[in-house]
Amino acid sequence: MSGPSWLYRMYESRLQRQLKGTRMPRHVAVMLDGNRRWAKEIGRSATYGHARGAEKITDFLGWCSESGIELVTLWLLSTDNVKRAKEELEPLLEIIATTVENLASVHEWEMSIVGNLDMLPGDYAGRLRHAVSTQSTLMNSSPESAQAHGSPKPEEGGSSKLHVNIAVMYGGRQEITDAVQAYLHEQAEAGKTLEQVAQDFSLEDIGNHLYTRGQPDPDLVIRTSGEQRMSGFMLWQSVHTELYFCETYWPAFRRVDFLRALRDFTLRDRRKGA
C-alpha cells in the first residue's frame, strides 16, 4: 500500500467518524465548476474536461446516498453557457443529454429537470424530458406531464430514494421571471384584474411557481474550482443556505472533498436570520 494512498484512506475514515451521528443537510446543491480549467492544465480540450466532469456525477450521487442526503441539485448548464462558441457548446449539450439518459437508466435515484428547457437548441429538450419521464414510468411512479420547467418531488412523503434535480438552462433571474409570469397567467385565467393580483401578491406566490416548487430549499451549496460567487444559482431558495467553496476543480473532486464540505456544514450555527 503506497504512503499517499494509505494516508488518504486514513483521513477519509477520520472524516467519516467525525460525521457519524451529526446533522446532515437534507438538500445539497452543487455548482460543478472548473471542467475547462482542469482540462487546460493537463493540455486537453474543453470537451474532454466536460466529459470527465460528467463521469464524476455518478460517484458524487453515490456519496450523497451513503451520507443520507435526500435531495441533490446539480447545475449542469446555465442560461449564460449557451453564449459559448458553437464548437464547445454542441459537444457540451451532447454530453449533458447523454449523461442524463445514462443516469435515468440506473434507477437508483429519482430525477427531475429544473430549468427553462424551451430555451435549448435542437432536440436536446426532448431527449431530457423523455429520459426523465421514461424513468418515472419504469419506477412505477406517476409520470408528470412534460413541462419546460421540471417536475419537482413533493416536499413530504414519496419515495425514500435520493432525488436528483438536473439544472439545465437554469438561471436564478430567469427562474424568478418564469415564476412571476406563470403566476400572472394563472391569475388571468382565473379572471382576476391587475389590481386584484397586485393586492393579493405574496412571497408564497413566487415560491409556489419556481422550478423547485414543493421542495425544501438547499441547506448547503457547494461550488468547486475556487470561485467564490453564486452566479445567480438558486437566488430565491438560497437566502438561508450555507455556502462552501472548494478549491478543487470538479473533475478532480474527491470523496474527502465532499466529506470536508459536510463537516464544515455540521460545525456551523444555522440561525437563519434569528
C-alpha atoms as a PDB file:
ATOM      1  CA  MET A   1       0.000   0.000   0.000  1.00  0.00           C
ATOM      2  CA  SER A   2       1.554   3.296  -1.048  1.00  0.00           C
ATOM      3  CA  GLY A   3       2.094   6.025   1.522  1.00  0.00           C
ATOM      4  CA  PRO A   4      -0.162   8.719  -0.014  1.00  0.00           C
ATOM      5  CA  SER A   5      -2.943   6.208  -0.711  1.00  0.00           C
ATOM      6  CA  TRP A   6      -2.807   4.912   2.856  1.00  0.00           C
ATOM      7  CA  LEU A   7      -2.837   8.429   4.299  1.00  0.00           C
ATOM      8  CA  TYR A   8      -5.770   9.377   2.080  1.00  0.00           C
ATOM      9  CA  ARG A   9      -7.851   6.445   3.311  1.00  0.00           C
ATOM     10  CA  MET A  10      -6.908   7.187   6.904  1.00  0.00           C
ATOM     11  CA  TYR A  11      -8.046  10.788   6.502  1.00  0.00           C
ATOM     12  CA  GLU A  12     -11.274   9.726   4.794  1.00  0.00           C
ATOM     13  CA  SER A  13     -12.042   7.319   7.648  1.00  0.00           C
ATOM     14  CA  ARG A  14     -11.354  10.067  10.163  1.00  0.00           C
ATOM     15  CA  LEU A  15     -13.786  12.413   8.426  1.00  0.00           C
ATOM     16  CA  GLN A  16     -16.449   9.705   8.382  1.00  0.00           C
ATOM     17  CA  ARG A  17     -16.036   9.155  12.124  1.00  0.00           C
ATOM     18  CA  GLN A  18     -16.348  12.881  12.756  1.00  0.00           C
ATOM     19  CA  LEU A  19     -19.610  12.976  10.791  1.00  0.00           C
ATOM     20  CA  LYS A  20     -21.159   9.966  12.490  1.00  0.00           C
ATOM     21  CA  GLY A  21     -24.306  10.984  14.356  1.00  0.00           C
ATOM     22  CA  THR A  22     -24.198  14.599  13.148  1.00  0.00           C
ATOM     23  CA  ARG A  23     -26.943  16.550  11.402  1.00  0.00           C
ATOM     24  CA  MET A  24     -26.655  16.107   7.638  1.00  0.00           C
ATOM     25  CA  PRO A  25     -28.026  18.627   5.142  1.00  0.00           C
ATOM     26  CA  ARG A  26     -31.289  17.498   3.623  1.00  0.00           C
ATOM     27  CA  HIS A  27     -30.735  19.255   0.291  1.00  0.00           C
ATOM     28  CA  VAL A  28     -27.266  19.730  -1.226  1.00  0.00           C
ATOM     29  CA  ALA A  29     -26.887  21.854  -4.361  1.00  0.00           C
ATOM     30  CA  VAL A  30     -23.667  21.812  -6.375  1.00  0.00           C
ATOM     31  CA  MET A  31     -22.132  24.198  -8.876  1.00  0.00           C
ATOM     32  CA  LEU A  32     -19.993  21.824 -10.963  1.00  0.00           C
ATOM     33  CA  ASP A  33     -17.309  24.320 -11.886  1.00  0.00           C
ATOM     34  CA  GLY A  34     -13.814  24.045 -13.320  1.00  0.00           C
ATOM     35  CA  ASN A  35     -14.116  21.452 -16.091  1.00  0.00           C
ATOM     36  CA  ARG A  36     -12.427  23.647 -18.690  1.00  0.00           C
ATOM     37  CA  ARG A  37      -9.643  24.893 -16.425  1.00  0.00           C
ATOM     38  CA  TRP A  38      -8.901  21.344 -15.268  1.00  0.00           C
ATOM     39  CA  ALA A  39      -8.636  20.195 -18.886  1.00  0.00           C
ATOM     40  CA  LYS A  40      -6.469  23.160 -19.873  1.00  0.00           C
ATOM     41  CA  GLU A  41      -3.992  22.421 -17.077  1.00  0.00           C
ATOM     42  CA  ILE A  42      -3.405  18.915 -18.436  1.00  0.00           C
ATOM     43  CA  GLY A  43      -3.308  20.023 -22.067  1.00  0.00           C
ATOM     44  CA  ARG A  44      -6.697  18.651 -23.107  1.00  0.00           C
ATOM     45  CA  SER A  45      -9.767  20.169 -24.765  1.00  0.00           C
ATOM     46  CA  ALA A  46     -12.744  21.727 -23.004  1.00  0.00           C
ATOM     47  CA  THR A  47     -14.895  18.860 -24.291  1.00  0.00           C
ATOM     48  CA  TYR A  48     -12.591  16.374 -22.585  1.00  0.00           C
ATOM     49  CA  GLY A  49     -12.988  18.299 -19.334  1.00  0.00           C
ATOM     50  CA  HIS A  50     -16.776  18.318 -19.613  1.00  0.00           C
ATOM     51  CA  ALA A  51     -16.803  14.576 -20.291  1.00  0.00           C
ATOM     52  CA  ARG A  52     -14.618  13.803 -17.268  1.00  0.00           C
ATOM     53  CA  GLY A  53     -16.790  16.084 -15.150  1.00  0.00           C
ATOM     54  CA  ALA A  54     -19.895  14.210 -16.271  1.00  0.00           C
ATOM     55  CA  GLU A  55     -18.300  10.922 -15.228  1.00  0.00           C
ATOM     56  CA  LYS A  56     -17.788  12.305 -11.715  1.00  0.00           C
ATOM     57  CA  ILE A  57     -21.536  12.733 -11.193  1.00  0.00           C
ATOM     58  CA  THR A  58     -22.282   9.045 -10.590  1.00  0.00           C
ATOM     59  CA  ASP A  59     -19.592   8.860  -7.904  1.00  0.00           C
ATOM     60  CA  PHE A  60     -20.918  12.001  -6.251  1.00  0.00           C
ATOM     61  CA  LEU A  61     -24.501  10.749  -6.147  1.00  0.00           C
ATOM     62  CA  GLY A  62     -23.261   7.546  -4.551  1.00  0.00           C
ATOM     63  CA  TRP A  63     -21.509   9.549  -1.840  1.00  0.00           C
ATOM     64  CA  CYS A  64     -24.710  11.517  -1.230  1.00  0.00           C
ATOM     65  CA  SER A  65     -26.777   8.342  -0.913  1.00  0.00           C
ATOM     66  CA  GLU A  66     -24.278   6.881   1.555  1.00  0.00           C
ATOM     67  CA  SER A  67     -24.416  10.078   3.620  1.00  0.00           C
ATOM     68  CA  GLY A  68     -28.208  10.119   3.860  1.00  0.00           C
ATOM     69  CA  ILE A  69     -28.771  13.174   1.675  1.00  0.00           C
ATOM     70  CA  GLU A  70     -32.373  13.293   0.427  1.00  0.00           C
ATOM     71  CA  LEU A  71     -32.150  15.806  -2.412  1.00  0.00           C
ATOM     72  CA  VAL A  72     -29.326  16.926  -4.700  1.00  0.00           C
ATOM     73  CA  THR A  73     -29.383  19.691  -7.296  1.00  0.00           C
ATOM     74  CA  LEU A  74     -26.634  19.637  -9.943  1.00  0.00           C
ATOM     75  CA  TRP A  75     -26.150  22.744 -12.070  1.00  0.00           C
ATOM     76  CA  LEU A  76     -25.013  21.438 -15.453  1.00  0.00           C
ATOM     77  CA  LEU A  77     -25.882  24.312 -17.786  1.00  0.00           C
ATOM     78  CA  SER A  78     -26.697  27.952 -17.122  1.00  0.00           C
ATOM     79  CA  THR A  79     -28.611  30.334 -19.339  1.00  0.00           C
ATOM     80  CA  ASP A  80     -25.292  32.138 -19.910  1.00  0.00           C
ATOM     81  CA  ASN A  81     -23.495  28.981 -21.064  1.00  0.00           C
ATOM     82  CA  VAL A  82     -25.359  28.958 -24.383  1.00  0.00           C
ATOM     83  CA  LYS A  83     -23.393  32.053 -25.353  1.00  0.00           C
ATOM     84  CA  ARG A  84     -20.270  29.923 -25.728  1.00  0.00           C
ATOM     85  CA  ALA A  85     -18.752  29.165 -29.111  1.00  0.00           C
ATOM     86  CA  LYS A  86     -20.634  26.594 -31.176  1.00  0.00           C
ATOM     87  CA  GLU A  87     -17.652  24.228 -31.296  1.00  0.00           C
ATOM     88  CA  GLU A  88     -17.739  23.973 -27.488  1.00  0.00           C
ATOM     89  CA  LEU A  89     -21.488  24.271 -26.906  1.00  0.00           C
ATOM     90  CA  GLU A  90     -22.671  21.451 -29.164  1.00  0.00           C
ATOM     91  CA  PRO A  91     -20.390  18.780 -27.627  1.00  0.00           C
ATOM     92  CA  LEU A  92     -21.343  20.056 -24.155  1.00  0.00           C
ATOM     93  CA  LEU A  93     -25.062  19.708 -24.883  1.00  0.00           C
ATOM     94  CA  GLU A  94     -24.499  16.189 -26.207  1.00  0.00           C
ATOM     95  CA  ILE A  95     -22.551  15.266 -23.063  1.00  0.00           C
ATOM     96  CA  ILE A  96     -25.343  16.620 -20.858  1.00  0.00           C
ATOM     97  CA  ALA A  97     -28.089  14.798 -22.768  1.00  0.00           C
ATOM     98  CA  THR A  98     -26.167  11.516 -22.757  1.00  0.00           C
ATOM     99  CA  THR A  99     -25.346  11.900 -19.058  1.00  0.00           C
ATOM    100  CA  VAL A 100     -28.990  12.432 -18.117  1.00  0.00           C
ATOM    101  CA  GLU A 101     -30.041   9.461 -20.255  1.00  0.00           C
ATOM    102  CA  ASN A 102     -27.444   7.269 -18.555  1.00  0.00           C
ATOM    103  CA  LEU A 103     -28.375   8.447 -15.062  1.00  0.00           C
ATOM    104  CA  ALA A 104     -32.062   7.856 -15.758  1.00  0.00           C
ATOM    105  CA  SER A 105     -31.340   4.277 -16.809  1.00  0.00           C
ATOM    106  CA  VAL A 106     -29.764   3.384 -13.457  1.00  0.00           C
ATOM    107  CA  HIS A 107     -32.958   3.693 -11.356  1.00  0.00           C
ATOM    108  CA  GLU A 108     -31.002   4.234  -8.133  1.00  0.00           C
ATOM    109  CA  TRP A 109     -32.412   7.730  -7.772  1.00  0.00           C
ATOM    110  CA  GLU A 110     -35.378   9.780  -8.927  1.00  0.00           C
ATOM    111  CA  MET A 111     -34.723  12.619 -11.324  1.00  0.00           C
ATOM    112  CA  SER A 112     -36.243  15.939 -12.315  1.00  0.00           C
ATOM    113  CA  ILE A 113     -35.144  18.605 -14.756  1.00  0.00           C
ATOM    114  CA  VAL A 114     -35.188  22.160 -13.414  1.00  0.00           C
ATOM    115  CA  GLY A 115     -34.722  24.987 -15.876  1.00  0.00           C
ATOM    116  CA  ASN A 116     -36.311  26.503 -18.941  1.00  0.00           C
ATOM    117  CA  LEU A 117     -35.825  23.738 -21.498  1.00  0.00           C
ATOM    118  CA  ASP A 118     -37.698  25.737 -24.126  1.00  0.00           C
ATOM    119  CA  MET A 119     -34.527  27.817 -24.468  1.00  0.00           C
ATOM    120  CA  LEU A 120     -32.429  24.803 -25.525  1.00  0.00           C
ATOM    121  CA  PRO A 121     -31.439  24.480 -29.188  1.00  0.00           C
ATOM    122  CA  GLY A 122     -32.058  21.363 -31.254  1.00  0.00           C
ATOM    123  CA  ASP A 123     -33.755  18.249 -29.895  1.00  0.00           C
ATOM    124  CA  TYR A 124     -31.954  18.266 -26.545  1.00  0.00           C
ATOM    125  CA  ALA A 125     -35.033  19.354 -24.591  1.00  0.00           C
ATOM    126  CA  GLY A 126     -36.993  16.405 -25.971  1.00  0.00           C
ATOM    127  CA  ARG A 127     -34.225  13.966 -25.056  1.00  0.00           C
ATOM    128  CA  LEU A 128     -34.035  15.259 -21.491  1.00  0.00           C
ATOM    129  CA  ARG A 129     -37.796  15.151 -20.977  1.00  0.00           C
ATOM    130  CA  HIS A 130     -38.012  11.675 -22.470  1.00  0.00           C
ATOM    131  CA  ALA A 131     -35.236  10.308 -20.255  1.00  0.00           C
ATOM    132  CA  VAL A 132     -36.841  11.591 -17.063  1.00  0.00           C
ATOM    133  CA  SER A 133     -40.414  10.622 -17.986  1.00  0.00           C
ATOM    134  CA  THR A 134     -39.309   7.131 -19.065  1.00  0.00           C
ATOM    135  CA  GLN A 135     -37.521   6.621 -15.758  1.00  0.00           C
ATOM    136  CA  SER A 136     -40.624   7.760 -13.888  1.00  0.00           C
ATOM    137  CA  THR A 137     -42.777   5.247 -15.761  1.00  0.00           C
ATOM    138  CA  LEU A 138     -40.358   2.371 -15.205  1.00  0.00           C
ATOM    139  CA  MET A 139     -40.180   3.134 -11.480  1.00  0.00           C
ATOM    140  CA  ASN A 140     -43.974   2.807 -11.282  1.00  0.00           C
ATOM    141  CA  SER A 141     -44.481   6.378 -10.154  1.00  0.00           C
ATOM    142  CA  SER A 142     -46.948   8.751 -11.711  1.00  0.00           C
ATOM    143  CA  PRO A 143     -45.155  10.438 -14.598  1.00  0.00           C
ATOM    144  CA  GLU A 144     -45.542  14.180 -14.629  1.00  0.00           C
ATOM    145  CA  SER A 145     -46.707  15.845 -17.775  1.00  0.00           C
ATOM    146  CA  ALA A 146     -43.849  17.141 -19.891  1.00  0.00           C
ATOM    147  CA  GLN A 147     -43.001  20.639 -18.673  1.00  0.00           C
ATOM    148  CA  ALA A 148     -40.395  23.165 -19.633  1.00  0.00           C
ATOM    149  CA  HIS A 149     -39.661  23.914 -16.004  1.00  0.00           C
ATOM    150  CA  GLY A 150     -39.291  20.467 -14.460  1.00  0.00           C
ATOM    151  CA  SER A 151     -41.410  18.314 -12.169  1.00  0.00           C
ATOM    152  CA  PRO A 152     -40.148  18.525  -8.595  1.00  0.00           C
ATOM    153  CA  LYS A 153     -40.628  15.924  -5.906  1.00  0.00           C
ATOM    154  CA  PRO A 154     -43.153  16.829  -3.181  1.00  0.00           C
ATOM    155  CA  GLU A 155     -41.590  18.180  -0.003  1.00  0.00           C
ATOM    156  CA  GLU A 156     -43.118  15.487   2.164  1.00  0.00           C
ATOM    157  CA  GLY A 157     -43.753  11.822   1.509  1.00  0.00           C
ATOM    158  CA  GLY A 158     -42.958   9.820  -1.598  1.00  0.00           C
ATOM    159  CA  SER A 159     -40.027   7.542  -2.271  1.00  0.00           C
ATOM    160  CA  SER A 160     -37.034   7.165   0.037  1.00  0.00           C
ATOM    161  CA  LYS A 161     -34.671   7.202  -2.958  1.00  0.00           C
ATOM    162  CA  LEU A 162     -32.258  10.066  -3.433  1.00  0.00           C
ATOM    163  CA  HIS A 163     -33.938  12.689  -5.595  1.00  0.00           C
ATOM    164  CA  VAL A 164     -31.755  14.473  -8.151  1.00  0.00           C
ATOM    165  CA  ASN A 165     -32.538  17.801  -9.797  1.00  0.00           C
ATOM    166  CA  ILE A 166     -30.638  18.313 -13.037  1.00  0.00           C
ATOM    167  CA  ALA A 167     -30.420  22.070 -13.578  1.00  0.00           C
ATOM    168  CA  VAL A 168     -30.196  22.702 -17.321  1.00  0.00           C
ATOM    169  CA  MET A 169     -30.780  26.093 -18.942  1.00  0.00           C
ATOM    170  CA  TYR A 170     -31.049  27.334 -15.392  1.00  0.00           C
ATOM    171  CA  GLY A 171     -30.565  30.907 -14.247  1.00  0.00           C
ATOM    172  CA  GLY A 172     -31.775  32.372 -10.967  1.00  0.00           C
ATOM    173  CA  ARG A 173     -33.173  35.522 -12.537  1.00  0.00           C
ATOM    174  CA  GLN A 174     -34.809  33.509 -15.306  1.00  0.00           C
ATOM    175  CA  GLU A 175     -36.424  31.227 -12.732  1.00  0.00           C
ATOM    176  CA  ILE A 176     -37.952  34.155 -10.836  1.00  0.00           C
ATOM    177  CA  THR A 177     -39.106  35.747 -14.091  1.00  0.00           C
ATOM    178  CA  ASP A 178     -40.729  32.484 -15.200  1.00  0.00           C
ATOM    179  CA  ALA A 179     -42.365  32.081 -11.782  1.00  0.00           C
ATOM    180  CA  VAL A 180     -43.933  35.549 -11.913  1.00  0.00           C
ATOM    181  CA  GLN A 181     -45.109  35.001 -15.487  1.00  0.00           C
ATOM    182  CA  ALA A 182     -46.656  31.651 -14.569  1.00  0.00           C
ATOM    183  CA  TYR A 183     -48.456  33.243 -11.636  1.00  0.00           C
ATOM    184  CA  LEU A 184     -49.787  36.102 -13.760  1.00  0.00           C
ATOM    185  CA  HIS A 185     -51.038  33.704 -16.447  1.00  0.00           C
ATOM    186  CA  GLU A 186     -52.744  31.631 -13.763  1.00  0.00           C
ATOM    187  CA  GLN A 187     -54.478  34.671 -12.291  1.00  0.00           C
ATOM    188  CA  ALA A 188     -55.518  35.939 -15.717  1.00  0.00           C
ATOM    189  CA  GLU A 189     -57.117  32.581 -16.491  1.00  0.00           C
ATOM    190  CA  ALA A 190     -58.985  32.877 -13.192  1.00  0.00           C
ATOM    191  CA  GLY A 191     -60.414  36.215 -14.332  1.00  0.00           C
ATOM    192  CA  LYS A 192     -58.536  38.369 -11.813  1.00  0.00           C
ATOM    193  CA  THR A 193     -57.912  42.039 -12.555  1.00  0.00           C
ATOM    194  CA  LEU A 194     -54.418  43.510 -12.370  1.00  0.00           C
ATOM    195  CA  GLU A 195     -55.439  45.465  -9.274  1.00  0.00           C
ATOM    196  CA  GLN A 196     -56.635  42.283  -7.552  1.00  0.00           C
ATOM    197  CA  VAL A 197     -53.453  40.445  -8.459  1.00  0.00           C
ATOM    198  CA  ALA A 198     -51.244  43.257  -7.145  1.00  0.00           C
ATOM    199  CA  GLN A 199     -53.173  43.445  -3.878  1.00  0.00           C
ATOM    200  CA  ASP A 200     -53.022  39.702  -3.205  1.00  0.00           C
ATOM    201  CA  PHE A 201     -49.484  39.064  -4.468  1.00  0.00           C
ATOM    202  CA  SER A 202     -47.170  37.468  -1.869  1.00  0.00           C
ATOM    203  CA  LEU A 203     -43.788  35.800  -1.457  1.00  0.00           C
ATOM    204  CA  GLU A 204     -45.534  32.432  -1.427  1.00  0.00           C
ATOM    205  CA  ASP A 205     -46.936  33.103  -4.890  1.00  0.00           C
ATOM    206  CA  ILE A 206     -43.417  33.224  -6.292  1.00  0.00           C
ATOM    207  CA  GLY A 207     -42.243  30.222  -4.270  1.00  0.00           C
ATOM    208  CA  ASN A 208     -45.181  28.162  -5.471  1.00  0.00           C
ATOM    209  CA  HIS A 209     -44.232  28.726  -9.111  1.00  0.00           C
ATOM    210  CA  LEU A 210     -40.474  28.158  -9.007  1.00  0.00           C
ATOM    211  CA  TYR A 211     -38.861  25.265 -10.870  1.00  0.00           C
ATOM    212  CA  THR A 212     -38.252  23.664  -7.457  1.00  0.00           C
ATOM    213  CA  ARG A 213     -41.719  24.303  -6.039  1.00  0.00           C
ATOM    214  CA  GLY A 214     -42.662  21.826  -3.348  1.00  0.00           C
ATOM    215  CA  GLN A 215     -39.044  21.055  -2.495  1.00  0.00           C
ATOM    216  CA  PRO A 216     -37.047  22.164   0.542  1.00  0.00           C
ATOM    217  CA  ASP A 217     -34.562  24.968  -0.032  1.00  0.00           C
ATOM    218  CA  PRO A 218     -30.915  23.887  -0.221  1.00  0.00           C
ATOM    219  CA  ASP A 219     -29.204  23.599   3.144  1.00  0.00           C
ATOM    220  CA  LEU A 220     -25.764  23.564   1.550  1.00  0.00           C
ATOM    221  CA  VAL A 221     -24.414  24.871  -1.751  1.00  0.00           C
ATOM    222  CA  ILE A 222     -21.003  23.599  -2.838  1.00  0.00           C
ATOM    223  CA  ARG A 223     -19.057  25.376  -5.566  1.00  0.00           C
ATOM    224  CA  THR A 224     -15.901  23.778  -6.896  1.00  0.00           C
ATOM    225  CA  SER A 225     -12.887  25.372  -8.664  1.00  0.00           C
ATOM    226  CA  GLY A 226     -12.129  28.104  -6.124  1.00  0.00           C
ATOM    227  CA  GLU A 227     -14.603  30.657  -7.474  1.00  0.00           C
ATOM    228  CA  GLN A 228     -16.423  32.399  -4.616  1.00  0.00           C
ATOM    229  CA  ARG A 229     -19.658  33.725  -6.045  1.00  0.00           C
ATOM    230  CA  MET A 230     -23.156  32.355  -6.609  1.00  0.00           C
ATOM    231  CA  SER A 231     -23.516  33.417 -10.266  1.00  0.00           C
ATOM    232  CA  GLY A 232     -27.295  33.513  -9.884  1.00  0.00           C
ATOM    233  CA  PHE A 233     -27.639  29.915  -8.667  1.00  0.00           C
ATOM    234  CA  MET A 234     -30.871  29.354  -6.742  1.00  0.00           C
ATOM    235  CA  LEU A 235     -31.249  33.054  -5.979  1.00  0.00           C
ATOM    236  CA  TRP A 236     -34.657  32.733  -4.354  1.00  0.00           C
ATOM    237  CA  GLN A 237     -34.013  29.495  -2.477  1.00  0.00           C
ATOM    238  CA  SER A 238     -30.583  30.248  -1.004  1.00  0.00           C
ATOM    239  CA  VAL A 239     -31.452  33.066   1.409  1.00  0.00           C
ATOM    240  CA  HIS A 240     -30.600  30.862   4.422  1.00  0.00           C
ATOM    241  CA  THR A 241     -28.288  28.422   2.653  1.00  0.00           C
ATOM    242  CA  GLU A 242     -24.779  27.635   3.891  1.00  0.00           C
ATOM    243  CA  LEU A 243     -22.119  28.151   1.211  1.00  0.00           C
ATOM    244  CA  TYR A 244     -18.969  26.069   0.799  1.00  0.00           C
ATOM    245  CA  PHE A 245     -16.283  26.962  -1.733  1.00  0.00           C
ATOM    246  CA  CYS A 246     -13.816  24.241  -2.681  1.00  0.00           C
ATOM    247  CA  GLU A 247     -10.529  24.887  -4.489  1.00  0.00           C
ATOM    248  CA  THR A 248     -10.664  21.563  -6.361  1.00  0.00           C
ATOM    249  CA  TYR A 249     -11.869  21.521  -9.971  1.00  0.00           C
ATOM    250  CA  TRP A 250     -14.988  19.404 -10.435  1.00  0.00           C
ATOM    251  CA  PRO A 251     -13.385  16.532 -12.439  1.00  0.00           C
ATOM    252  CA  ALA A 252     -10.842  16.120  -9.611  1.00  0.00           C
ATOM    253  CA  PHE A 253     -13.417  16.393  -6.792  1.00  0.00           C
ATOM    254  CA  ARG A 254     -12.895  13.557  -4.306  1.00  0.00           C
ATOM    255  CA  ARG A 255     -14.932  11.934  -1.597  1.00  0.00           C
ATOM    256  CA  VAL A 256     -12.758  13.627   1.029  1.00  0.00           C
ATOM    257  CA  ASP A 257     -13.625  16.993  -0.525  1.00  0.00           C
ATOM    258  CA  PHE A 258     -17.308  16.151  -0.121  1.00  0.00           C
ATOM    259  CA  LEU A 259     -16.816  14.932   3.447  1.00  0.00           C
ATOM    260  CA  ARG A 260     -14.963  18.145   4.284  1.00  0.00           C
ATOM    261  CA  ALA A 261     -17.911  20.152   2.992  1.00  0.00           C
ATOM    262  CA  LEU A 262     -20.290  18.115   5.150  1.00  0.00           C
ATOM    263  CA  ARG A 263     -18.047  18.524   8.191  1.00  0.00           C
ATOM    264  CA  ASP A 264     -17.931  22.274   7.639  1.00  0.00           C
ATOM    265  CA  PHE A 265     -21.725  22.322   7.432  1.00  0.00           C
ATOM    266  CA  THR A 266     -22.146  20.416  10.704  1.00  0.00           C
ATOM    267  CA  LEU A 267     -19.929  22.929  12.528  1.00  0.00           C
ATOM    268  CA  ARG A 268     -21.958  25.973  11.510  1.00  0.00           C
ATOM    269  CA  ASP A 269     -24.565  27.658  13.676  1.00  0.00           C
ATOM    270  CA  ARG A 270     -27.566  27.955  11.379  1.00  0.00           C
ATOM    271  CA  ARG A 271     -29.542  30.854  12.837  1.00  0.00           C
ATOM    272  CA  LYS A 272     -31.469  31.550   9.616  1.00  0.00           C
ATOM    273  CA  GLY A 273     -31.689  35.249  10.423  1.00  0.00           C
ATOM    274  CA  ALA A 274     -32.875  34.738  14.000  1.00  0.00           C
END
